[in-house]
């Protein structure tokens, strides 16, 4: 299995960032039923005001090639599109587990 872990730091006021992060999280959580290679996904909005990253996700797929399939799937592209123009920073790690 492969874990695909991504963190986003968004632009805007704290309230705007939280609202966008929640909308993005909700879209991500609907993906397992739409993307066959996606075994599961967790997504969460940061609750710690001392930290600067806004939202994270952990997606699990069977093999590294499935990460690319997941990334190009129209449902994922639509979810990611919610963040268009609002991403200050993005970090990603993919690893076998």
PDB file of N, CA and C in Angstrom:
ATOM      1  N   UNK A   1       0.837  -1.184   0.000  1.00  0.00           N
ATOM      2  CA  UNK A   1       0.000   0.000   0.000  1.00  0.00           C
ATOM      3  C   UNK A   1       0.875   1.238   0.000  1.00  0.00           C
ATOM      4  N   UNK A   2       0.289   2.334  -0.470  1.00  0.00           N
ATOM      5  CA  UNK A   2       0.979   3.621  -0.516  1.00  0.00           C
ATOM      6  C   UNK A   2       0.106   4.655   0.190  1.00  0.00           C
ATOM      7  N   UNK A   3       0.750   5.439   1.041  1.00  0.00           N
ATOM      8  CA  UNK A   3       0.072   6.574   1.669  1.00  0.00           C
ATOM      9  C   UNK A   3       0.515   7.840   0.951  1.00  0.00           C
ATOM     10  N   UNK A   4      -0.460   8.638   0.594  1.00  0.00           N
ATOM     11  CA  UNK A   4      -0.271   9.916  -0.092  1.00  0.00           C
ATOM     12  C   UNK A   4      -0.717  10.978   0.911  1.00  0.00           C
ATOM     13  N   UNK A   5       0.245  11.698   1.476  1.00  0.00           N
ATOM     14  CA  UNK A   5      -0.035  12.672   2.532  1.00  0.00           C
ATOM     15  C   UNK A   5       0.237  14.069   1.993  1.00  0.00           C
ATOM     16  N   UNK A   6      -0.750  14.948   2.099  1.00  0.00           N
ATOM     17  CA  UNK A   6      -0.622  16.309   1.566  1.00  0.00           C
ATOM     18  C   UNK A   6      -1.109  17.304   2.608  1.00  0.00           C
ATOM     19  N   UNK A   7      -0.367  18.420   2.724  1.00  0.00           N
ATOM     20  CA  UNK A   7      -0.762  19.519   3.612  1.00  0.00           C
ATOM     21  C   UNK A   7      -0.831  20.800   2.798  1.00  0.00           C
ATOM     22  N   UNK A   8      -1.802  21.638   3.122  1.00  0.00           N
ATOM     23  CA  UNK A   8      -1.977  22.908   2.434  1.00  0.00           C
ATOM     24  C   UNK A   8      -1.995  24.056   3.427  1.00  0.00           C
ATOM     25  N   UNK A   9      -1.318  25.113   3.064  1.00  0.00           N
ATOM     26  CA  UNK A   9      -1.411  26.395   3.760  1.00  0.00           C
ATOM     27  C   UNK A   9      -2.123  27.324   2.782  1.00  0.00           C
ATOM     28  N   UNK A  10      -3.250  27.854   3.193  1.00  0.00           N
ATOM     29  CA  UNK A  10      -4.105  28.637   2.307  1.00  0.00           C
ATOM     30  C   UNK A  10      -3.912  30.134   2.526  1.00  0.00           C
ATOM     31  N   UNK A  11      -4.415  30.908   1.583  1.00  0.00           N
ATOM     32  CA  UNK A  11      -4.373  32.358   1.688  1.00  0.00           C
ATOM     33  C   UNK A  11      -5.723  32.862   2.176  1.00  0.00           C
ATOM     34  N   UNK A  12      -5.742  34.094   2.678  1.00  0.00           N
ATOM     35  CA  UNK A  12      -6.981  34.711   3.136  1.00  0.00           C
ATOM     36  C   UNK A  12      -6.984  34.917   4.629  1.00  0.00           C
ATOM     37  N   UNK A  13      -8.093  35.415   5.131  1.00  0.00           N
ATOM     38  CA  UNK A  13      -8.254  35.613   6.571  1.00  0.00           C
ATOM     39  C   UNK A  13      -8.395  34.248   7.238  1.00  0.00           C
ATOM     40  N   UNK A  14      -8.191  34.182   8.539  1.00  0.00           N
ATOM     41  CA  UNK A  14      -8.397  32.890   9.215  1.00  0.00           C
ATOM     42  C   UNK A  14      -9.788  32.306   8.958  1.00  0.00           C
ATOM     43  N   UNK A  15     -10.793  33.161   8.930  1.00  0.00           N
ATOM     44  CA  UNK A  15     -12.158  32.686   8.707  1.00  0.00           C
ATOM     45  C   UNK A  15     -12.326  32.152   7.281  1.00  0.00           C
ATOM     46  N   UNK A  16     -11.753  32.871   6.300  1.00  0.00           N
ATOM     47  CA  UNK A  16     -11.836  32.426   4.915  1.00  0.00           C
ATOM     48  C   UNK A  16     -11.094  31.107   4.718  1.00  0.00           C
ATOM     49  N   UNK A  17      -9.913  31.001   5.321  1.00  0.00           N
ATOM     50  CA  UNK A  17      -9.127  29.785   5.193  1.00  0.00           C
ATOM     51  C   UNK A  17      -9.854  28.594   5.803  1.00  0.00           C
ATOM     52  N   UNK A  18     -10.463  28.802   6.970  1.00  0.00           N
ATOM     53  CA  UNK A  18     -11.179  27.708   7.634  1.00  0.00           C
ATOM     54  C   UNK A  18     -12.370  27.258   6.796  1.00  0.00           C
ATOM     55  N   UNK A  19     -13.129  28.207   6.272  1.00  0.00           N
ATOM     56  CA  UNK A  19     -14.303  27.857   5.469  1.00  0.00           C
ATOM     57  C   UNK A  19     -13.901  27.091   4.209  1.00  0.00           C
ATOM     58  N   UNK A  20     -12.842  27.533   3.549  1.00  0.00           N
ATOM     59  CA  UNK A  20     -12.380  26.854   2.346  1.00  0.00           C
ATOM     60  C   UNK A  20     -11.832  25.472   2.685  1.00  0.00           C
ATOM     61  N   UNK A  21     -11.076  25.375   3.770  1.00  0.00           N
ATOM     62  CA  UNK A  21     -10.524  24.082   4.188  1.00  0.00           C
ATOM     63  C   UNK A  21     -11.647  23.089   4.494  1.00  0.00           C
ATOM     64  N   UNK A  22     -12.695  23.533   5.131  1.00  0.00           N
ATOM     65  CA  UNK A  22     -13.823  22.647   5.443  1.00  0.00           C
ATOM     66  C   UNK A  22     -14.535  22.179   4.172  1.00  0.00           C
ATOM     67  N   UNK A  23     -14.703  23.091   3.229  1.00  0.00           N
ATOM     68  CA  UNK A  23     -15.346  22.728   1.956  1.00  0.00           C
ATOM     69  C   UNK A  23     -14.487  21.709   1.207  1.00  0.00           C
ATOM     70  N   UNK A  24     -13.177  21.923   1.195  1.00  0.00           N
ATOM     71  CA  UNK A  24     -12.242  21.010   0.545  1.00  0.00           C
ATOM     72  C   UNK A  24     -12.262  19.653   1.232  1.00  0.00           C
ATOM     73  N   UNK A  25     -12.212  19.646   2.567  1.00  0.00           N
ATOM     74  CA  UNK A  25     -12.263  18.390   3.332  1.00  0.00           C
ATOM     75  C   UNK A  25     -13.505  17.590   2.978  1.00  0.00           C
ATOM     76  N   UNK A  26     -14.640  18.253   2.943  1.00  0.00           N
ATOM     77  CA  UNK A  26     -15.894  17.563   2.644  1.00  0.00           C
ATOM     78  C   UNK A  26     -15.873  16.957   1.237  1.00  0.00           C
ATOM     79  N   UNK A  27     -15.299  17.685   0.280  1.00  0.00           N
ATOM     80  CA  UNK A  27     -15.197  17.164  -1.086  1.00  0.00           C
ATOM     81  C   UNK A  27     -14.279  15.944  -1.121  1.00  0.00           C
ATOM     82  N   UNK A  28     -13.176  16.008  -0.400  1.00  0.00           N
ATOM     83  CA  UNK A  28     -12.240  14.877  -0.362  1.00  0.00           C
ATOM     84  C   UNK A  28     -12.883  13.631   0.228  1.00  0.00           C
ATOM     85  N   UNK A  29     -13.654  13.808   1.277  1.00  0.00           N
ATOM     86  CA  UNK A  29     -14.248  12.664   1.960  1.00  0.00           C
ATOM     87  C   UNK A  29     -15.259  11.913   1.093  1.00  0.00           C
ATOM     88  N   UNK A  30     -15.731  12.557   0.030  1.00  0.00           N
ATOM     89  CA  UNK A  30     -16.674  11.886  -0.873  1.00  0.00           C
ATOM     90  C   UNK A  30     -15.964  11.081  -1.961  1.00  0.00           C
ATOM     91  N   UNK A  31     -14.634  11.183  -2.061  1.00  0.00           N
ATOM     92  CA  UNK A  31     -13.910  10.573  -3.173  1.00  0.00           C
ATOM     93  C   UNK A  31     -13.828   9.045  -3.179  1.00  0.00           C
ATOM     94  N   UNK A  32     -13.726   8.355  -2.042  1.00  0.00           N
ATOM     95  CA  UNK A  32     -13.593   6.887  -2.118  1.00  0.00           C
ATOM     96  C   UNK A  32     -14.714   6.186  -2.886  1.00  0.00           C
ATOM     97  N   UNK A  33     -15.900   6.718  -2.848  1.00  0.00           N
ATOM     98  CA  UNK A  33     -16.999   6.088  -3.582  1.00  0.00           C
ATOM     99  C   UNK A  33     -16.959   6.414  -5.072  1.00  0.00           C
ATOM    100  N   UNK A  34     -16.100   7.362  -5.469  1.00  0.00           N
ATOM    101  CA  UNK A  34     -16.032   7.798  -6.862  1.00  0.00           C
ATOM    102  C   UNK A  34     -14.765   7.347  -7.588  1.00  0.00           C
ATOM    103  N   UNK A  35     -13.713   7.029  -6.834  1.00  0.00           N
ATOM    104  CA  UNK A  35     -12.426   6.697  -7.439  1.00  0.00           C
ATOM    105  C   UNK A  35     -12.057   5.274  -7.032  1.00  0.00           C
ATOM    106  N   UNK A  36     -12.063   4.378  -7.991  1.00  0.00           N
ATOM    107  CA  UNK A  36     -11.888   2.954  -7.709  1.00  0.00           C
ATOM    108  C   UNK A  36     -10.558   2.622  -7.027  1.00  0.00           C
ATOM    109  N   UNK A  37      -9.474   3.288  -7.404  1.00  0.00           N
ATOM    110  CA  UNK A  37      -8.157   2.948  -6.834  1.00  0.00           C
ATOM    111  C   UNK A  37      -7.960   3.506  -5.428  1.00  0.00           C
ATOM    112  N   UNK A  38      -8.839   4.378  -4.989  1.00  0.00           N
ATOM    113  CA  UNK A  38      -8.713   5.007  -3.674  1.00  0.00           C
ATOM    114  C   UNK A  38      -9.310   4.098  -2.608  1.00  0.00           C
ATOM    115  N   UNK A  39      -8.447   3.504  -1.798  1.00  0.00           N
ATOM    116  CA  UNK A  39      -8.907   2.584  -0.750  1.00  0.00           C
ATOM    117  C   UNK A  39      -9.572   3.338   0.405  1.00  0.00           C
ATOM    118  N   UNK A  40      -8.972   4.465   0.796  1.00  0.00           N
ATOM    119  CA  UNK A  40      -9.553   5.291   1.858  1.00  0.00           C
ATOM    120  C   UNK A  40      -8.904   6.661   1.817  1.00  0.00           C
ATOM    121  N   UNK A  41      -9.555   7.594   2.500  1.00  0.00           N
ATOM    122  CA  UNK A  41      -8.991   8.933   2.624  1.00  0.00           C
ATOM    123  C   UNK A  41      -9.419   9.512   3.964  1.00  0.00           C
ATOM    124  N   UNK A  42      -8.488  10.183   4.599  1.00  0.00           N
ATOM    125  CA  UNK A  42      -8.769  10.976   5.797  1.00  0.00           C
ATOM    126  C   UNK A  42      -8.424  12.398   5.446  1.00  0.00           C
ATOM    127  N   UNK A  43      -9.192  13.337   5.948  1.00  0.00           N
ATOM    128  CA  UNK A  43      -8.906  14.751   5.724  1.00  0.00           C
ATOM    129  C   UNK A  43      -9.317  15.507   6.973  1.00  0.00           C
ATOM    130  N   UNK A  44      -8.515  16.479   7.337  1.00  0.00           N
ATOM    131  CA  UNK A  44      -8.819  17.241   8.539  1.00  0.00           C
ATOM    132  C   UNK A  44      -8.400  18.685   8.417  1.00  0.00           C
ATOM    133  N   UNK A  45      -9.153  19.525   9.118  1.00  0.00           N
ATOM    134  CA  UNK A  45      -8.881  20.955   9.169  1.00  0.00           C
ATOM    135  C   UNK A  45      -8.163  21.246  10.485  1.00  0.00           C
ATOM    136  N   UNK A  46      -7.078  21.996  10.399  1.00  0.00           N
ATOM    137  CA  UNK A  46      -6.290  22.327  11.585  1.00  0.00           C
ATOM    138  C   UNK A  46      -7.141  23.048  12.634  1.00  0.00           C
ATOM    139  N   UNK A  47      -7.057  22.604  13.863  1.00  0.00           N
ATOM    140  CA  UNK A  47      -7.776  23.228  14.974  1.00  0.00           C
ATOM    141  C   UNK A  47      -6.841  23.969  15.916  1.00  0.00           C
ATOM    142  N   UNK A  48      -5.544  23.903  15.682  1.00  0.00           N
ATOM    143  CA  UNK A  48      -4.555  24.505  16.565  1.00  0.00           C
ATOM    144  C   UNK A  48      -4.158  25.881  16.030  1.00  0.00           C
ATOM    145  N   UNK A  49      -4.572  26.957  16.684  1.00  0.00           N
ATOM    146  CA  UNK A  49      -4.267  28.301  16.185  1.00  0.00           C
ATOM    147  C   UNK A  49      -2.773  28.638  16.227  1.00  0.00           C
ATOM    148  N   UNK A  50      -1.984  27.853  16.927  1.00  0.00           N
ATOM    149  CA  UNK A  50      -0.541  28.094  16.976  1.00  0.00           C
ATOM    150  C   UNK A  50       0.172  27.541  15.738  1.00  0.00           C
ATOM    151  N   UNK A  51      -0.539  26.794  14.908  1.00  0.00           N
ATOM    152  CA  UNK A  51       0.053  26.207  13.712  1.00  0.00           C
ATOM    153  C   UNK A  51      -0.449  26.936  12.467  1.00  0.00           C
ATOM    154  N   UNK A  52       0.336  26.922  11.402  1.00  0.00           N
ATOM    155  CA  UNK A  52      -0.003  27.731  10.233  1.00  0.00           C
ATOM    156  C   UNK A  52      -0.555  26.940   9.041  1.00  0.00           C
ATOM    157  N   UNK A  53      -0.486  25.611   9.068  1.00  0.00           N
ATOM    158  CA  UNK A  53      -1.048  24.817   7.973  1.00  0.00           C
ATOM    159  C   UNK A  53      -2.547  24.661   8.208  1.00  0.00           C
ATOM    160  N   UNK A  54      -3.320  24.650   7.139  1.00  0.00           N
ATOM    161  CA  UNK A  54      -4.774  24.703   7.271  1.00  0.00           C
ATOM    162  C   UNK A  54      -5.502  23.369   7.142  1.00  0.00           C
ATOM    163  N   UNK A  55      -5.047  22.522   6.225  1.00  0.00           N
ATOM    164  CA  UNK A  55      -5.777  21.285   5.963  1.00  0.00           C
ATOM    165  C   UNK A  55      -4.802  20.206   5.516  1.00  0.00           C
ATOM    166  N   UNK A  56      -5.106  18.970   5.880  1.00  0.00           N
ATOM    167  CA  UNK A  56      -4.268  17.841   5.486  1.00  0.00           C
ATOM    168  C   UNK A  56      -5.141  16.691   5.027  1.00  0.00           C
ATOM    169  N   UNK A  57      -4.534  15.848   4.187  1.00  0.00           N
ATOM    170  CA  UNK A  57      -5.233  14.639   3.771  1.00  0.00           C
ATOM    171  C   UNK A  57      -4.245  13.489   3.723  1.00  0.00           C
ATOM    172  N   UNK A  58      -4.761  12.314   3.976  1.00  0.00           N
ATOM    173  CA  UNK A  58      -4.002  11.083   3.814  1.00  0.00           C
ATOM    174  C   UNK A  58      -4.870  10.134   2.996  1.00  0.00           C
ATOM    175  N   UNK A  59      -4.408   9.856   1.783  1.00  0.00           N
ATOM    176  CA  UNK A  59      -5.107   8.929   0.895  1.00  0.00           C
ATOM    177  C   UNK A  59      -4.318   7.628   0.836  1.00  0.00           C
ATOM    178  N   UNK A  60      -5.019   6.515   0.785  1.00  0.00           N
ATOM    179  CA  UNK A  60      -4.359   5.211   0.702  1.00  0.00           C
ATOM    180  C   UNK A  60      -4.792   4.525  -0.586  1.00  0.00           C
ATOM    181  N   UNK A  61      -3.759   4.099  -1.345  1.00  0.00           N
ATOM    182  CA  UNK A  61      -3.964   3.360  -2.583  1.00  0.00           C
ATOM    183  C   UNK A  61      -3.089   2.109  -2.547  1.00  0.00           C
ATOM    184  N   UNK A  62      -3.277   1.209  -3.488  1.00  0.00           N
ATOM    185  CA  UNK A  62      -2.525  -0.046  -3.478  1.00  0.00           C
ATOM    186  C   UNK A  62      -1.073   0.103  -3.914  1.00  0.00           C
ATOM    187  N   UNK A  63      -0.833   0.935  -4.945  1.00  0.00           N
ATOM    188  CA  UNK A  63       0.537   1.038  -5.478  1.00  0.00           C
ATOM    189  C   UNK A  63       0.796   2.476  -5.937  1.00  0.00           C
ATOM    190  N   UNK A  64       2.065   2.807  -6.110  1.00  0.00           N
ATOM    191  CA  UNK A  64       2.449   4.172  -6.452  1.00  0.00           C
ATOM    192  C   UNK A  64       1.781   4.665  -7.739  1.00  0.00           C
ATOM    193  N   UNK A  65       1.605   3.785  -8.709  1.00  0.00           N
ATOM    194  CA  UNK A  65       0.954   4.176  -9.959  1.00  0.00           C
ATOM    195  C   UNK A  65      -0.480   4.656  -9.716  1.00  0.00           C
ATOM    196  N   UNK A  66      -1.114   4.152  -8.663  1.00  0.00           N
ATOM    197  CA  UNK A  66      -2.486   4.556  -8.349  1.00  0.00           C
ATOM    198  C   UNK A  66      -2.566   6.003  -7.869  1.00  0.00           C
ATOM    199  N   UNK A  67      -1.470   6.532  -7.357  1.00  0.00           N
ATOM    200  CA  UNK A  67      -1.468   7.943  -6.937  1.00  0.00           C
ATOM    201  C   UNK A  67      -1.742   8.827  -8.156  1.00  0.00           C
ATOM    202  N   UNK A  68      -1.105   8.513  -9.275  1.00  0.00           N
ATOM    203  CA  UNK A  68      -1.315   9.287 -10.501  1.00  0.00           C
ATOM    204  C   UNK A  68      -2.743   9.130 -11.021  1.00  0.00           C
ATOM    205  N   UNK A  69      -3.289   7.928 -10.937  1.00  0.00           N
ATOM    206  CA  UNK A  69      -4.673   7.695 -11.373  1.00  0.00           C
ATOM    207  C   UNK A  69      -5.628   8.523 -10.510  1.00  0.00           C
ATOM    208  N   UNK A  70      -5.426   8.479  -9.208  1.00  0.00           N
ATOM    209  CA  UNK A  70      -6.229   9.267  -8.265  1.00  0.00           C
ATOM    210  C   UNK A  70      -6.113  10.755  -8.575  1.00  0.00           C
ATOM    211  N   UNK A  71      -4.893  11.236  -8.804  1.00  0.00           N
ATOM    212  CA  UNK A  71      -4.659  12.664  -9.021  1.00  0.00           C
ATOM    213  C   UNK A  71      -5.343  13.182 -10.280  1.00  0.00           C
ATOM    214  N   UNK A  72      -5.453  12.326 -11.315  1.00  0.00           N
ATOM    215  CA  UNK A  72      -6.028  12.750 -12.590  1.00  0.00           C
ATOM    216  C   UNK A  72      -7.523  12.498 -12.691  1.00  0.00           C
ATOM    217  N   UNK A  73      -8.080  11.798 -11.719  1.00  0.00           N
ATOM    218  CA  UNK A  73      -9.508  11.472 -11.783  1.00  0.00           C
ATOM    219  C   UNK A  73     -10.329  12.773 -11.730  1.00  0.00           C
ATOM    220  N   UNK A  74     -11.373  12.878 -12.558  1.00  0.00           N
ATOM    221  CA  UNK A  74     -12.172  14.108 -12.588  1.00  0.00           C
ATOM    222  C   UNK A  74     -12.743  14.529 -11.226  1.00  0.00           C
ATOM    223  N   UNK A  75     -13.120  13.583 -10.389  1.00  0.00           N
ATOM    224  CA  UNK A  75     -13.664  13.937  -9.068  1.00  0.00           C
ATOM    225  C   UNK A  75     -12.579  14.569  -8.192  1.00  0.00           C
ATOM    226  N   UNK A  76     -11.349  14.049  -8.281  1.00  0.00           N
ATOM    227  CA  UNK A  76     -10.247  14.644  -7.521  1.00  0.00           C
ATOM    228  C   UNK A  76      -9.892  16.013  -8.088  1.00  0.00           C
ATOM    229  N   UNK A  77      -9.852  16.121  -9.408  1.00  0.00           N
ATOM    230  CA  UNK A  77      -9.545  17.405 -10.042  1.00  0.00           C
ATOM    231  C   UNK A  77     -10.563  18.461  -9.616  1.00  0.00           C
ATOM    232  N   UNK A  78     -11.827  18.088  -9.538  1.00  0.00           N
ATOM    233  CA  UNK A  78     -12.867  19.023  -9.098  1.00  0.00           C
ATOM    234  C   UNK A  78     -12.658  19.442  -7.645  1.00  0.00           C
ATOM    235  N   UNK A  79     -12.332  18.482  -6.783  1.00  0.00           N
ATOM    236  CA  UNK A  79     -12.083  18.805  -5.371  1.00  0.00           C
ATOM    237  C   UNK A  79     -10.879  19.736  -5.249  1.00  0.00           C
ATOM    238  N   UNK A  80      -9.800  19.404  -5.944  1.00  0.00           N
ATOM    239  CA  UNK A  80      -8.594  20.237  -5.895  1.00  0.00           C
ATOM    240  C   UNK A  80      -8.860  21.628  -6.451  1.00  0.00           C
ATOM    241  N   UNK A  81      -9.764  21.708  -7.415  1.00  0.00           N
ATOM    242  CA  UNK A  81     -10.115  22.992  -8.007  1.00  0.00           C
ATOM    243  C   UNK A  81     -10.711  23.976  -7.022  1.00  0.00           C
ATOM    244  N   UNK A  82     -11.265  23.463  -5.941  1.00  0.00           N
ATOM    245  CA  UNK A  82     -11.806  24.353  -4.907  1.00  0.00           C
ATOM    246  C   UNK A  82     -10.725  25.251  -4.313  1.00  0.00           C
ATOM    247  N   UNK A  83      -9.480  24.784  -4.347  1.00  0.00           N
ATOM    248  CA  UNK A  83      -8.367  25.544  -3.764  1.00  0.00           C
ATOM    249  C   UNK A  83      -7.674  26.460  -4.765  1.00  0.00           C
ATOM    250  N   UNK A  84      -8.084  26.426  -6.018  1.00  0.00           N
ATOM    251  CA  UNK A  84      -7.421  27.214  -7.060  1.00  0.00           C
ATOM    252  C   UNK A  84      -7.326  28.682  -6.656  1.00  0.00           C
ATOM    253  N   UNK A  85      -6.114  29.204  -6.706  1.00  0.00           N
ATOM    254  CA  UNK A  85      -5.880  30.596  -6.367  1.00  0.00           C
ATOM    255  C   UNK A  85      -5.794  30.889  -4.888  1.00  0.00           C
ATOM    256  N   UNK A  86      -5.877  29.843  -4.045  1.00  0.00           N
ATOM    257  CA  UNK A  86      -5.891  30.044  -2.595  1.00  0.00           C
ATOM    258  C   UNK A  86      -4.797  29.272  -1.867  1.00  0.00           C
ATOM    259  N   UNK A  87      -3.863  28.672  -2.598  1.00  0.00           N
ATOM    260  CA  UNK A  87      -2.816  27.873  -1.970  1.00  0.00           C
ATOM    261  C   UNK A  87      -1.537  28.696  -1.851  1.00  0.00           C
ATOM    262  N   UNK A  88      -1.120  28.924  -0.611  1.00  0.00           N
ATOM    263  CA  UNK A  88       0.153  29.601  -0.367  1.00  0.00           C
ATOM    264  C   UNK A  88       1.305  28.602  -0.432  1.00  0.00           C
ATOM    265  N   UNK A  89       1.092  27.440   0.179  1.00  0.00           N
ATOM    266  CA  UNK A  89       2.109  26.385   0.180  1.00  0.00           C
ATOM    267  C   UNK A  89       1.429  25.027   0.165  1.00  0.00           C
ATOM    268  N   UNK A  90       2.138  24.052  -0.437  1.00  0.00           N
ATOM    269  CA  UNK A  90       1.659  22.671  -0.465  1.00  0.00           C
ATOM    270  C   UNK A  90       2.860  21.778  -0.184  1.00  0.00           C
ATOM    271  N   UNK A  91       2.663  20.770   0.661  1.00  0.00           N
ATOM    272  CA  UNK A  91       3.688  19.777   0.922  1.00  0.00           C
ATOM    273  C   UNK A  91       3.089  18.406   0.714  1.00  0.00           C
ATOM    274  N   UNK A  92       3.897  17.492   0.159  1.00  0.00           N
ATOM    275  CA  UNK A  92       3.392  16.154  -0.146  1.00  0.00           C
ATOM    276  C   UNK A  92       4.478  15.120   0.100  1.00  0.00           C
ATOM    277  N   UNK A  93       4.065  13.978   0.648  1.00  0.00           N
ATOM    278  CA  UNK A  93       4.939  12.821   0.819  1.00  0.00           C
ATOM    279  C   UNK A  93       4.129  11.593   0.413  1.00  0.00           C
ATOM    280  N   UNK A  94       4.723  10.746  -0.426  1.00  0.00           N
ATOM    281  CA  UNK A  94       4.132   9.466  -0.810  1.00  0.00           C
ATOM    282  C   UNK A  94       5.096   8.376  -0.334  1.00  0.00           C
ATOM    283  N   UNK A  95       4.576   7.403   0.417  1.00  0.00           N
ATOM    284  CA  UNK A  95       5.459   6.333   0.910  1.00  0.00           C
ATOM    285  C   UNK A  95       4.717   5.013   1.001  1.00  0.00           C
ATOM    286  N   UNK A  96       5.489   3.940   0.842  1.00  0.00           N
ATOM    287  CA  UNK A  96       4.925   2.589   0.954  1.00  0.00           C
ATOM    288  C   UNK A  96       4.789   2.211   2.414  1.00  0.00           C
ATOM    289  N   UNK A  97       3.723   1.491   2.710  1.00  0.00           N
ATOM    290  CA  UNK A  97       3.492   1.056   4.088  1.00  0.00           C
ATOM    291  C   UNK A  97       3.027  -0.386   4.113  1.00  0.00           C
TER     292      UNK A  97
END
